[in-house]
Amino acid sequence: MESPCINVCVMHPVKTLCIGCYRSIDEIIGWAGMTDQQRRRIMAELPARKPLLDERPG
C-alpha cells in the first residue's frame, strides 16, 4: 500500500497532525511496520481529519 505522504511534512502545532497527509507523528513513524489492514484503517480516517486543520480559531 502506498503512503499518503505528499512531501509537505509540517506538523500542525495544536492538532499534532501533518498538514500534508493528516497523519499523526506516531502514524508516520510506524507506517513502515504496520500491516495493510492498519494502513487501510488510517487511510480511511484521513479525509475526516482535513477539516480539523481547516478550522480557524475564534
PDB file of N, CA and C in Angstrom:
ATOM      1  N   MET A   1       0.839  -1.177   0.000  1.00  0.00           N
ATOM      2  CA  MET A   1       0.000   0.000   0.000  1.00  0.00           C
ATOM      3  C   MET A   1       0.883   1.238   0.000  1.00  0.00           C
ATOM      4  N   GLU A   2       0.463   2.228  -0.747  1.00  0.00           N
ATOM      5  CA  GLU A   2       1.217   3.467  -0.822  1.00  0.00           C
ATOM      6  C   GLU A   2       1.028   4.297   0.445  1.00  0.00           C
ATOM      7  N   SER A   3       1.940   5.213   0.623  1.00  0.00           N
ATOM      8  CA  SER A   3       1.861   6.160   1.725  1.00  0.00           C
ATOM      9  C   SER A   3       1.040   7.367   1.276  1.00  0.00           C
ATOM     10  N   PRO A   4       0.308   8.002   2.201  1.00  0.00           N
ATOM     11  CA  PRO A   4      -0.427   9.211   1.853  1.00  0.00           C
ATOM     12  C   PRO A   4       0.468  10.453   1.843  1.00  0.00           C
ATOM     13  N   CYS A   5       1.746  10.280   2.093  1.00  0.00           N
ATOM     14  CA  CYS A   5       2.683  11.399   2.154  1.00  0.00           C
ATOM     15  C   CYS A   5       2.736  12.135   0.816  1.00  0.00           C
ATOM     16  N   ILE A   6       2.672  13.488   0.879  1.00  0.00           N
ATOM     17  CA  ILE A   6       2.798  14.309  -0.330  1.00  0.00           C
ATOM     18  C   ILE A   6       4.003  15.247  -0.216  1.00  0.00           C
ATOM     19  N   ASN A   7       4.925  14.893   0.668  1.00  0.00           N
ATOM     20  CA  ASN A   7       6.161  15.651   0.876  1.00  0.00           C
ATOM     21  C   ASN A   7       5.935  17.080   1.347  1.00  0.00           C
ATOM     22  N   VAL A   8       4.878  17.272   2.116  1.00  0.00           N
ATOM     23  CA  VAL A   8       4.634  18.529   2.821  1.00  0.00           C
ATOM     24  C   VAL A   8       4.629  18.150   4.305  1.00  0.00           C
ATOM     25  N   CYS A   9       5.800  17.969   4.840  1.00  0.00           N
ATOM     26  CA  CYS A   9       5.958  17.392   6.170  1.00  0.00           C
ATOM     27  C   CYS A   9       6.088  18.491   7.229  1.00  0.00           C
ATOM     28  N   VAL A  10       4.928  19.004   7.633  1.00  0.00           N
ATOM     29  CA  VAL A  10       4.874  20.042   8.655  1.00  0.00           C
ATOM     30  C   VAL A  10       3.768  19.654   9.623  1.00  0.00           C
ATOM     31  N   MET A  11       4.117  19.576  10.897  1.00  0.00           N
ATOM     32  CA  MET A  11       3.137  19.207  11.906  1.00  0.00           C
ATOM     33  C   MET A  11       2.390  20.450  12.390  1.00  0.00           C
ATOM     34  N   HIS A  12       1.064  20.344  12.429  1.00  0.00           N
ATOM     35  CA  HIS A  12       0.231  21.407  12.978  1.00  0.00           C
ATOM     36  C   HIS A  12       0.542  21.490  14.470  1.00  0.00           C
ATOM     37  N   PRO A  13       0.859  22.678  14.990  1.00  0.00           N
ATOM     38  CA  PRO A  13       1.312  22.788  16.376  1.00  0.00           C
ATOM     39  C   PRO A  13       0.262  22.469  17.427  1.00  0.00           C
ATOM     40  N   VAL A  14      -1.007  22.604  17.095  1.00  0.00           N
ATOM     41  CA  VAL A  14      -2.065  22.337  18.071  1.00  0.00           C
ATOM     42  C   VAL A  14      -2.707  20.980  17.836  1.00  0.00           C
ATOM     43  N   LYS A  15      -3.045  20.687  16.609  1.00  0.00           N
ATOM     44  CA  LYS A  15      -3.738  19.430  16.282  1.00  0.00           C
ATOM     45  C   LYS A  15      -2.793  18.243  16.218  1.00  0.00           C
ATOM     46  N   THR A  16      -1.506  18.498  16.149  1.00  0.00           N
ATOM     47  CA  THR A  16      -0.452  17.475  16.068  1.00  0.00           C
ATOM     48  C   THR A  16      -0.690  16.466  14.940  1.00  0.00           C
ATOM     49  N   LEU A  17      -1.135  16.989  13.803  1.00  0.00           N
ATOM     50  CA  LEU A  17      -1.276  16.202  12.584  1.00  0.00           C
ATOM     51  C   LEU A  17      -0.441  16.864  11.505  1.00  0.00           C
ATOM     52  N   CYS A  18       0.068  16.046  10.591  1.00  0.00           N
ATOM     53  CA  CYS A  18       0.812  16.591   9.459  1.00  0.00           C
ATOM     54  C   CYS A  18      -0.161  17.346   8.554  1.00  0.00           C
ATOM     55  N   ILE A  19       0.191  18.565   8.162  1.00  0.00           N
ATOM     56  CA  ILE A  19      -0.712  19.343   7.312  1.00  0.00           C
ATOM     57  C   ILE A  19      -0.702  18.847   5.868  1.00  0.00           C
ATOM     58  N   GLY A  20       0.210  17.971   5.529  1.00  0.00           N
ATOM     59  CA  GLY A  20       0.261  17.404   4.179  1.00  0.00           C
ATOM     60  C   GLY A  20      -0.540  16.127   4.042  1.00  0.00           C
ATOM     61  N   CYS A  21      -0.386  15.201   4.981  1.00  0.00           N
ATOM     62  CA  CYS A  21      -1.035  13.890   4.847  1.00  0.00           C
ATOM     63  C   CYS A  21      -2.074  13.605   5.928  1.00  0.00           C
ATOM     64  N   TYR A  22      -2.143  14.459   6.947  1.00  0.00           N
ATOM     65  CA  TYR A  22      -3.128  14.354   8.032  1.00  0.00           C
ATOM     66  C   TYR A  22      -2.874  13.197   9.000  1.00  0.00           C
ATOM     67  N   ARG A  23      -1.669  12.624   8.954  1.00  0.00           N
ATOM     68  CA  ARG A  23      -1.343  11.567   9.914  1.00  0.00           C
ATOM     69  C   ARG A  23      -0.692  12.166  11.156  1.00  0.00           C
ATOM     70  N   SER A  24      -0.778  11.438  12.260  1.00  0.00           N
ATOM     71  CA  SER A  24      -0.080  11.828  13.481  1.00  0.00           C
ATOM     72  C   SER A  24       1.385  11.422  13.351  1.00  0.00           C
ATOM     73  N   ILE A  25       2.212  11.955  14.218  1.00  0.00           N
ATOM     74  CA  ILE A  25       3.640  11.603  14.178  1.00  0.00           C
ATOM     75  C   ILE A  25       3.827  10.110  14.451  1.00  0.00           C
ATOM     76  N   ASP A  26       3.032   9.553  15.349  1.00  0.00           N
ATOM     77  CA  ASP A  26       3.143   8.117  15.629  1.00  0.00           C
ATOM     78  C   ASP A  26       2.766   7.284  14.406  1.00  0.00           C
ATOM     79  N   GLU A  27       1.758   7.724  13.666  1.00  0.00           N
ATOM     80  CA  GLU A  27       1.367   7.007  12.456  1.00  0.00           C
ATOM     81  C   GLU A  27       2.445   7.115  11.391  1.00  0.00           C
ATOM     82  N   ILE A  28       3.052   8.279  11.270  1.00  0.00           N
ATOM     83  CA  ILE A  28       4.119   8.464  10.281  1.00  0.00           C
ATOM     84  C   ILE A  28       5.321   7.588  10.623  1.00  0.00           C
ATOM     85  N   ILE A  29       5.730   7.625  11.871  1.00  0.00           N
ATOM     86  CA  ILE A  29       6.893   6.844  12.307  1.00  0.00           C
ATOM     87  C   ILE A  29       6.642   5.344  12.154  1.00  0.00           C
ATOM     88  N   GLY A  30       5.438   4.910  12.484  1.00  0.00           N
ATOM     89  CA  GLY A  30       5.148   3.477  12.471  1.00  0.00           C
ATOM     90  C   GLY A  30       4.664   2.924  11.147  1.00  0.00           C
ATOM     91  N   TRP A  31       4.472   3.795  10.145  1.00  0.00           N
ATOM     92  CA  TRP A  31       3.864   3.386   8.873  1.00  0.00           C
ATOM     93  C   TRP A  31       4.528   2.158   8.251  1.00  0.00           C
ATOM     94  N   ALA A  32       5.830   2.148   8.165  1.00  0.00           N
ATOM     95  CA  ALA A  32       6.542   1.046   7.501  1.00  0.00           C
ATOM     96  C   ALA A  32       6.332  -0.295   8.204  1.00  0.00           C
ATOM     97  N   GLY A  33       6.087  -0.270   9.493  1.00  0.00           N
ATOM     98  CA  GLY A  33       5.920  -1.505  10.242  1.00  0.00           C
ATOM     99  C   GLY A  33       4.474  -1.938  10.414  1.00  0.00           C
ATOM    100  N   MET A  34       3.543  -1.182   9.863  1.00  0.00           N
ATOM    101  CA  MET A  34       2.120  -1.506  10.013  1.00  0.00           C
ATOM    102  C   MET A  34       1.682  -2.549   8.991  1.00  0.00           C
ATOM    103  N   THR A  35       0.640  -3.254   9.353  1.00  0.00           N
ATOM    104  CA  THR A  35       0.038  -4.200   8.421  1.00  0.00           C
ATOM    105  C   THR A  35      -0.800  -3.418   7.404  1.00  0.00           C
ATOM    106  N   ASP A  36      -1.137  -4.068   6.305  1.00  0.00           N
ATOM    107  CA  ASP A  36      -2.002  -3.422   5.309  1.00  0.00           C
ATOM    108  C   ASP A  36      -3.345  -3.046   5.925  1.00  0.00           C
ATOM    109  N   GLN A  37      -3.848  -3.871   6.823  1.00  0.00           N
ATOM    110  CA  GLN A  37      -5.126  -3.587   7.474  1.00  0.00           C
ATOM    111  C   GLN A  37      -5.029  -2.308   8.313  1.00  0.00           C
ATOM    112  N   GLN A  38      -3.946  -2.152   9.059  1.00  0.00           N
ATOM    113  CA  GLN A  38      -3.754  -0.947   9.854  1.00  0.00           C
ATOM    114  C   GLN A  38      -3.639   0.286   8.955  1.00  0.00           C
ATOM    115  N   ARG A  39      -2.906   0.149   7.875  1.00  0.00           N
ATOM    116  CA  ARG A  39      -2.750   1.271   6.944  1.00  0.00           C
ATOM    117  C   ARG A  39      -4.076   1.639   6.288  1.00  0.00           C
ATOM    118  N   ARG A  40      -4.864   0.631   5.900  1.00  0.00           N
ATOM    119  CA  ARG A  40      -6.170   0.905   5.291  1.00  0.00           C
ATOM    120  C   ARG A  40      -7.084   1.645   6.269  1.00  0.00           C
ATOM    121  N   ARG A  41      -7.026   1.264   7.543  1.00  0.00           N
ATOM    122  CA  ARG A  41      -7.852   1.925   8.551  1.00  0.00           C
ATOM    123  C   ARG A  41      -7.483   3.394   8.655  1.00  0.00           C
ATOM    124  N   ILE A  42      -6.185   3.677   8.707  1.00  0.00           N
ATOM    125  CA  ILE A  42      -5.723   5.060   8.796  1.00  0.00           C
ATOM    126  C   ILE A  42      -6.096   5.824   7.529  1.00  0.00           C
ATOM    127  N   MET A  43      -5.871   5.225   6.363  1.00  0.00           N
ATOM    128  CA  MET A  43      -6.203   5.886   5.101  1.00  0.00           C
ATOM    129  C   MET A  43      -7.688   6.254   5.057  1.00  0.00           C
ATOM    130  N   ALA A  44      -8.548   5.392   5.596  1.00  0.00           N
ATOM    131  CA  ALA A  44      -9.985   5.666   5.610  1.00  0.00           C
ATOM    132  C   ALA A  44     -10.327   6.838   6.527  1.00  0.00           C
ATOM    133  N   GLU A  45      -9.521   7.054   7.562  1.00  0.00           N
ATOM    134  CA  GLU A  45      -9.770   8.135   8.520  1.00  0.00           C
ATOM    135  C   GLU A  45      -9.261   9.491   8.040  1.00  0.00           C
ATOM    136  N   LEU A  46      -8.303   9.512   7.136  1.00  0.00           N
ATOM    137  CA  LEU A  46      -7.647  10.760   6.748  1.00  0.00           C
ATOM    138  C   LEU A  46      -8.584  11.832   6.189  1.00  0.00           C
ATOM    139  N   PRO A  47      -9.536  11.504   5.314  1.00  0.00           N
ATOM    140  CA  PRO A  47     -10.404  12.567   4.788  1.00  0.00           C
ATOM    141  C   PRO A  47     -11.170  13.326   5.884  1.00  0.00           C
ATOM    142  N   ALA A  48     -11.531  12.651   6.950  1.00  0.00           N
ATOM    143  CA  ALA A  48     -12.260  13.303   8.044  1.00  0.00           C
ATOM    144  C   ALA A  48     -11.359  14.205   8.879  1.00  0.00           C
ATOM    145  N   ARG A  49     -10.064  14.033   8.772  1.00  0.00           N
ATOM    146  CA  ARG A  49      -9.124  14.853   9.546  1.00  0.00           C
ATOM    147  C   ARG A  49      -8.842  16.196   8.885  1.00  0.00           C
ATOM    148  N   LYS A  50      -8.975  16.271   7.566  1.00  0.00           N
ATOM    149  CA  LYS A  50      -8.678  17.515   6.858  1.00  0.00           C
ATOM    150  C   LYS A  50      -9.448  18.705   7.425  1.00  0.00           C
ATOM    151  N   PRO A  51     -10.757  18.595   7.652  1.00  0.00           N
ATOM    152  CA  PRO A  51     -11.485  19.750   8.195  1.00  0.00           C
ATOM    153  C   PRO A  51     -10.964  20.214   9.562  1.00  0.00           C
ATOM    154  N   LEU A  52     -10.379  19.311  10.316  1.00  0.00           N
ATOM    155  CA  LEU A  52      -9.820  19.699  11.615  1.00  0.00           C
ATOM    156  C   LEU A  52      -8.709  20.726  11.458  1.00  0.00           C
ATOM    157  N   LEU A  53      -7.962  20.622  10.382  1.00  0.00           N
ATOM    158  CA  LEU A  53      -6.859  21.558  10.154  1.00  0.00           C
ATOM    159  C   LEU A  53      -7.317  22.818   9.448  1.00  0.00           C
ATOM    160  N   ASP A  54      -8.503  22.772   8.845  1.00  0.00           N
ATOM    161  CA  ASP A  54      -9.038  23.953   8.171  1.00  0.00           C
ATOM    162  C   ASP A  54      -9.761  24.887   9.130  1.00  0.00           C
ATOM    163  N   GLU A  55     -10.057  24.401  10.352  1.00  0.00           N
ATOM    164  CA  GLU A  55     -10.763  25.227  11.330  1.00  0.00           C
ATOM    165  C   GLU A  55      -9.925  26.438  11.705  1.00  0.00           C
ATOM    166  N   ARG A  56     -10.577  27.540  11.834  1.00  0.00           N
ATOM    167  CA  ARG A  56      -9.905  28.774  12.248  1.00  0.00           C
ATOM    168  C   ARG A  56     -10.294  29.070  13.693  1.00  0.00           C
ATOM    169  N   PRO A  57      -9.322  29.449  14.518  1.00  0.00           N
ATOM    170  CA  PRO A  57      -9.651  29.763  15.908  1.00  0.00           C
ATOM    171  C   PRO A  57     -10.553  31.000  15.991  1.00  0.00           C
ATOM    172  N   GLY A  58     -11.429  31.005  17.001  1.00  0.00           N
ATOM    173  CA  GLY A  58     -12.273  32.171  17.247  1.00  0.00           C
ATOM    174  C   GLY A  58     -13.389  32.175  16.342  1.00  0.00           C
TER     175      GLY A  58
END
